[in-house]
Amino acid sequence: MTKETTSFVYVTYIRSTPDKVFAAITKPEIARRYWGHENVSDWNPGSKWEHVRANDERTVQLVGKVIEVSPPTRLVITWANASQAADPSAYSRVTFEIEEYEDMVRLTVTHDELEAGSGMANGIKKGWPVVLASLKSLLETGQGLDVFAKPKSA
C-alpha cells in the first residue's frame, strides 16, 4: 500500500542576485540570520546535510542528502525530521530553483513527496512562507524576520 503524497510550491521575487540567494540557502552563517538555523553540508551530490538550530544547544532538527547541486540556480535535497532519519519513508524532497528575472531573482521552492496530512506536510505550509519572507527581507534590507514569532492574541 502506497501512501498518498502532496506537495507545496512557493514562489517569491527577491531584489538580489542568484549567487546571493544560493549563498543564503547554503552558507550556515547567512541562513542563521533569517532562519534561526544553519544548513550544514559540503553541498556535494550524495553528501548529508543537517538543519542545526543556531543556539547554544545546536540541536539537529532536520536531516537529508544532497541530490543535485548546480550553483547558483538549483539545489535539490531530501528532508526528514532528525528523529525519523532511519525511516526511508519519512523523507520528502525540496527543490530550490533560482532564476534571474530582470533586476531580481525568482525563487521557487517545491517541497514534494510529502505524506498527505502528516505533521511535516502541515508544518511546512506555515514554515516555508515565513522562512522565505525572512530570506527576502534579509537580502533586501539586511535584516531577517523573527521566524519564531507567534500571533498576537486578540
Protein backbone atom coordinates (compact mmCIF):
# COMPACT_ATOMS: atom_id res chain seq x y z
CA MET A 1 0.00 0.00 0.00
CA THR A 2 1.47 3.34 -1.03
CA LYS A 3 0.95 6.49 0.94
CA GLU A 4 -0.86 9.44 -0.57
CA THR A 5 1.55 12.30 -1.19
CA THR A 6 1.19 16.03 -1.54
CA SER A 7 3.42 18.93 -2.49
CA PHE A 8 3.88 22.57 -1.60
CA VAL A 9 5.16 25.21 -4.04
CA TYR A 10 6.16 28.72 -3.01
CA VAL A 11 7.36 31.39 -5.43
CA THR A 12 8.81 34.71 -4.38
CA TYR A 13 10.69 37.52 -6.07
CA ILE A 14 13.76 38.96 -4.36
CA ARG A 15 15.73 42.04 -5.32
CA SER A 16 19.07 40.22 -5.28
CA THR A 17 21.32 38.04 -7.42
CA PRO A 18 21.26 34.26 -7.93
CA ASP A 19 24.68 33.98 -6.23
CA LYS A 20 23.45 35.79 -3.10
CA VAL A 21 20.23 33.73 -2.89
CA PHE A 22 22.12 30.45 -3.35
CA ALA A 23 24.66 31.50 -0.70
CA ALA A 24 21.85 32.42 1.71
CA ILE A 25 20.44 28.90 1.43
CA THR A 26 23.75 27.03 1.65
CA LYS A 27 26.01 29.11 3.92
CA PRO A 28 25.35 28.49 7.65
CA GLU A 29 26.42 31.99 8.70
CA ILE A 30 23.81 33.55 6.39
CA ALA A 31 20.99 31.03 6.97
CA ARG A 32 21.10 31.61 10.74
CA ARG A 33 20.32 35.31 10.15
CA TYR A 34 16.93 34.66 8.52
CA TRP A 35 16.05 31.06 9.52
CA GLY A 36 17.37 30.70 13.07
CA HIS A 37 19.01 27.51 11.81
CA GLU A 38 22.12 26.68 9.82
CA ASN A 39 22.11 24.43 6.77
CA VAL A 40 25.33 22.44 7.16
CA SER A 41 26.82 20.36 4.34
CA ASP A 42 29.70 20.31 1.88
CA TRP A 43 26.93 20.56 -0.80
CA ASN A 44 28.22 17.74 -2.98
CA PRO A 45 25.73 15.26 -4.51
CA GLY A 46 25.32 12.32 -2.14
CA SER A 47 26.55 14.26 0.90
CA LYS A 48 24.42 14.62 4.01
CA TRP A 49 23.05 17.94 5.16
CA GLU A 50 21.78 18.94 8.58
CA HIS A 51 19.48 21.75 9.69
CA VAL A 52 21.02 22.82 13.00
CA ARG A 53 19.34 25.21 15.45
CA ALA A 54 21.53 28.31 15.78
CA ASN A 55 21.58 28.39 19.59
CA ASP A 56 23.73 27.04 22.40
CA GLU A 57 22.19 23.55 22.20
CA ARG A 58 22.89 23.24 18.43
CA THR A 59 20.07 20.70 18.04
CA VAL A 60 19.94 18.93 14.68
CA GLN A 61 16.27 19.23 13.69
CA LEU A 62 16.24 18.08 10.07
CA VAL A 63 18.48 15.81 8.03
CA GLY A 64 18.80 14.68 4.45
CA LYS A 65 21.04 14.18 1.49
CA VAL A 66 22.10 16.46 -1.32
CA ILE A 67 20.57 15.08 -4.53
CA GLU A 68 21.55 17.73 -7.06
CA VAL A 69 23.51 20.96 -6.89
CA SER A 70 24.03 23.46 -9.72
CA PRO A 71 25.17 26.75 -8.18
CA PRO A 72 23.68 29.28 -8.31
CA THR A 73 20.47 28.11 -9.97
CA ARG A 74 19.37 24.78 -8.48
CA LEU A 75 19.61 22.72 -5.31
CA VAL A 76 17.69 19.51 -4.56
CA ILE A 77 17.81 17.85 -1.13
CA THR A 78 15.92 15.18 0.77
CA TRP A 79 14.33 16.28 4.05
CA ALA A 80 13.20 14.49 7.24
CA ASN A 81 12.92 15.13 10.95
CA ALA A 82 16.14 14.04 12.64
CA SER A 83 14.09 11.74 14.88
CA GLN A 84 12.92 9.85 11.77
CA ALA A 85 16.28 9.72 9.97
CA ALA A 86 16.35 5.91 9.95
CA ASP A 87 12.94 5.62 8.23
CA PRO A 88 13.27 5.93 4.43
CA SER A 89 9.52 6.59 4.10
CA ALA A 90 9.82 9.71 6.30
CA TYR A 91 11.83 11.63 3.69
CA SER A 92 10.44 14.27 1.38
CA ARG A 93 12.25 16.36 -1.24
CA VAL A 94 12.93 20.08 -1.51
CA THR A 95 13.94 21.77 -4.77
CA PHE A 96 15.22 25.34 -4.84
CA GLU A 97 15.11 26.90 -8.31
CA ILE A 98 16.78 30.30 -8.62
CA GLU A 99 16.19 32.25 -11.81
CA GLU A 100 17.33 35.70 -12.87
CA TYR A 101 14.29 37.84 -13.51
CA GLU A 102 15.26 41.30 -14.84
CA ASP A 103 16.89 43.06 -11.84
CA MET A 104 15.77 40.44 -9.33
CA VAL A 105 15.55 36.73 -8.66
CA ARG A 106 12.57 34.44 -8.91
CA LEU A 107 12.94 31.79 -6.20
CA THR A 108 10.72 28.72 -6.48
CA VAL A 109 10.74 26.28 -3.59
CA THR A 110 8.99 22.98 -4.28
CA HIS A 111 8.60 20.65 -1.30
CA ASP A 112 7.18 17.38 -2.60
CA GLU A 113 6.96 13.68 -1.82
CA LEU A 114 5.28 14.69 1.44
CA GLU A 115 2.91 12.28 3.13
CA ALA A 116 -0.53 13.89 2.82
CA GLY A 117 -1.94 15.01 6.17
CA SER A 118 1.33 14.36 8.02
CA GLY A 119 2.75 16.66 10.65
CA MET A 120 5.56 17.56 8.24
CA ALA A 121 3.12 18.47 5.45
CA ASN A 122 1.08 20.63 7.81
CA GLY A 123 4.16 22.23 9.35
CA ILE A 124 5.85 23.27 6.13
CA LYS A 125 2.70 25.07 4.94
CA LYS A 126 3.26 27.50 7.81
CA GLY A 127 7.05 27.30 7.88
CA TRP A 128 8.09 27.97 4.31
CA PRO A 129 6.18 31.26 3.87
CA VAL A 130 7.75 32.87 6.97
CA VAL A 131 11.24 31.49 6.25
CA LEU A 132 11.17 32.70 2.65
CA ALA A 133 9.73 36.10 3.66
CA SER A 134 12.60 36.38 6.15
CA LEU A 135 15.12 35.42 3.43
CA LYS A 136 13.69 38.11 1.15
CA SER A 137 13.78 40.67 3.96
CA LEU A 138 17.40 39.84 4.84
CA LEU A 139 18.63 40.11 1.27
CA GLU A 140 16.70 43.30 0.53
CA THR A 141 17.08 45.16 3.83
CA GLY A 142 19.90 43.45 5.70
CA GLN A 143 17.57 42.20 8.45
CA GLY A 144 15.61 38.94 8.61
CA LEU A 145 12.25 38.48 10.33
CA ASP A 146 11.61 36.69 13.62
CA VAL A 147 10.68 33.28 12.22
CA PHE A 148 9.73 32.10 15.72
CA ALA A 149 7.18 34.89 16.28
CA LYS A 150 3.69 33.84 17.41
CA PRO A 151 0.38 35.51 16.50
CA LYS A 152 -0.69 38.24 18.90
CA SER A 153 -3.82 37.35 20.86
CA ALA A 154 -6.95 39.29 20.02
